[in-house]
Amino acid sequence: GFRFFFFSNEVNEPAHIHVESNDKYAKFWLEPLQLAKSVGYSARELSEIRNLVTENIGAFRRRWDEYFGHKG
């Protein structure tokens, strides 16, 4: 499966989510939803990840805002 997370020292970057599985990595900006970086994932996997991020974007954004104290 995929592991979704953010780093606690990323307060100066726009809201985003990191994704890992095995030795693969990706980063998606949340607003607007856009792939920022990818290492090792196929186009099919990135499409699957993008769909998961889309389905959970509200929760990801809430967690980001709760942690970093942003409103939006």
C-alpha atoms as a PDB file:
ATOM      1  CA  GLY A   1       0.000   0.000   0.000  1.00  0.00           C
ATOM      2  CA  PHE A   2       0.841   3.653  -0.039  1.00  0.00           C
ATOM      3  CA  ARG A   3       1.937   5.725   2.955  1.00  0.00           C
ATOM      4  CA  PHE A   4       0.737   9.349   2.945  1.00  0.00           C
ATOM      5  CA  PHE A   5       2.497  11.915   5.149  1.00  0.00           C
ATOM      6  CA  PHE A   6       3.986  15.378   5.487  1.00  0.00           C
ATOM      7  CA  PHE A   7       7.102  16.607   7.271  1.00  0.00           C
ATOM      8  CA  SER A   8       6.785  18.850  10.329  1.00  0.00           C
ATOM      9  CA  ASN A   9       9.404  21.309   9.031  1.00  0.00           C
ATOM     10  CA  GLU A  10       7.536  22.206   5.823  1.00  0.00           C
ATOM     11  CA  VAL A  11       5.555  25.158   7.173  1.00  0.00           C
ATOM     12  CA  ASN A  12       6.897  27.506   4.471  1.00  0.00           C
ATOM     13  CA  GLU A  13       5.698  25.357   1.557  1.00  0.00           C
ATOM     14  CA  PRO A  14       2.161  25.284   0.150  1.00  0.00           C
ATOM     15  CA  ALA A  15      -0.054  22.440   1.386  1.00  0.00           C
ATOM     16  CA  HIS A  16       1.057  19.112  -0.069  1.00  0.00           C
ATOM     17  CA  ILE A  17       1.262  15.399   0.671  1.00  0.00           C
ATOM     18  CA  HIS A  18       4.134  12.953   0.291  1.00  0.00           C
ATOM     19  CA  VAL A  19       3.511   9.365  -0.787  1.00  0.00           C
ATOM     20  CA  GLU A  20       5.821   6.368  -0.366  1.00  0.00           C
ATOM     21  CA  SER A  21       5.724   2.675  -1.079  1.00  0.00           C
ATOM     22  CA  ASN A  22       8.777   0.450  -1.153  1.00  0.00           C
ATOM     23  CA  ASP A  23      11.525   2.525  -2.790  1.00  0.00           C
ATOM     24  CA  LYS A  24       9.111   4.811  -4.675  1.00  0.00           C
ATOM     25  CA  TYR A  25       8.207   8.385  -3.786  1.00  0.00           C
ATOM     26  CA  ALA A  26       5.872  11.154  -4.933  1.00  0.00           C
ATOM     27  CA  LYS A  27       4.767  14.589  -3.771  1.00  0.00           C
ATOM     28  CA  PHE A  28       1.471  16.261  -4.675  1.00  0.00           C
ATOM     29  CA  TRP A  29       0.533  19.899  -4.151  1.00  0.00           C
ATOM     30  CA  LEU A  30      -3.016  20.013  -2.769  1.00  0.00           C
ATOM     31  CA  GLU A  31      -4.257  23.354  -4.159  1.00  0.00           C
ATOM     32  CA  PRO A  32      -4.457  23.058  -7.030  1.00  0.00           C
ATOM     33  CA  LEU A  33      -3.935  19.304  -7.056  1.00  0.00           C
ATOM     34  CA  GLN A  34      -0.756  18.744  -9.038  1.00  0.00           C
ATOM     35  CA  LEU A  35       2.108  16.276  -9.098  1.00  0.00           C
ATOM     36  CA  ALA A  36       5.229  18.035  -7.802  1.00  0.00           C
ATOM     37  CA  LYS A  37       7.726  15.165  -7.933  1.00  0.00           C
ATOM     38  CA  SER A  38       7.838  11.443  -8.599  1.00  0.00           C
ATOM     39  CA  VAL A  39      10.571   8.827  -8.360  1.00  0.00           C
ATOM     40  CA  GLY A  40       9.927   5.244  -9.455  1.00  0.00           C
ATOM     41  CA  TYR A  41       6.147   5.269  -9.905  1.00  0.00           C
ATOM     42  CA  SER A  42       4.601   4.269 -13.231  1.00  0.00           C
ATOM     43  CA  ALA A  43       1.970   6.459 -14.894  1.00  0.00           C
ATOM     44  CA  ARG A  44      -0.663   3.918 -13.807  1.00  0.00           C
ATOM     45  CA  GLU A  45       0.468   4.076 -10.175  1.00  0.00           C
ATOM     46  CA  LEU A  46       0.523   7.875 -10.243  1.00  0.00           C
ATOM     47  CA  SER A  47      -3.024   7.866 -11.591  1.00  0.00           C
ATOM     48  CA  GLU A  48      -4.093   5.575  -8.736  1.00  0.00           C
ATOM     49  CA  ILE A  49      -2.338   7.803  -6.184  1.00  0.00           C
ATOM     50  CA  ARG A  50      -3.889  10.937  -7.677  1.00  0.00           C
ATOM     51  CA  ASN A  51      -7.337   9.326  -7.365  1.00  0.00           C
ATOM     52  CA  LEU A  52      -6.653   8.479  -3.705  1.00  0.00           C
ATOM     53  CA  VAL A  53      -5.455  12.015  -3.005  1.00  0.00           C
ATOM     54  CA  THR A  54      -8.557  13.410  -4.727  1.00  0.00           C
ATOM     55  CA  GLU A  55     -10.821  11.167  -2.624  1.00  0.00           C
ATOM     56  CA  ASN A  56      -9.080  12.231   0.596  1.00  0.00           C
ATOM     57  CA  ILE A  57      -8.030  15.795  -0.185  1.00  0.00           C
ATOM     58  CA  GLY A  58     -10.372  17.272   2.433  1.00  0.00           C
ATOM     59  CA  ALA A  59      -8.859  15.137   5.186  1.00  0.00           C
ATOM     60  CA  PHE A  60      -5.300  15.829   4.018  1.00  0.00           C
ATOM     61  CA  ARG A  61      -5.969  19.575   3.944  1.00  0.00           C
ATOM     62  CA  ARG A  62      -7.617  19.548   7.394  1.00  0.00           C
ATOM     63  CA  ARG A  63      -4.647  17.696   8.889  1.00  0.00           C
ATOM     64  CA  TRP A  64      -2.220  20.123   7.232  1.00  0.00           C
ATOM     65  CA  ASP A  65      -4.162  23.124   8.567  1.00  0.00           C
ATOM     66  CA  GLU A  66      -4.485  21.609  12.053  1.00  0.00           C
ATOM     67  CA  TYR A  67      -0.768  20.890  12.250  1.00  0.00           C
ATOM     68  CA  PHE A  68       0.548  24.117  10.756  1.00  0.00           C
ATOM     69  CA  GLY A  69      -2.241  26.362  12.057  1.00  0.00           C
ATOM     70  CA  HIS A  70      -3.456  27.588   8.659  1.00  0.00           C
ATOM     71  CA  LYS A  71      -7.034  28.382   7.859  1.00  0.00           C
ATOM     72  CA  GLY A  72      -8.608  27.532   4.532  1.00  0.00           C
END
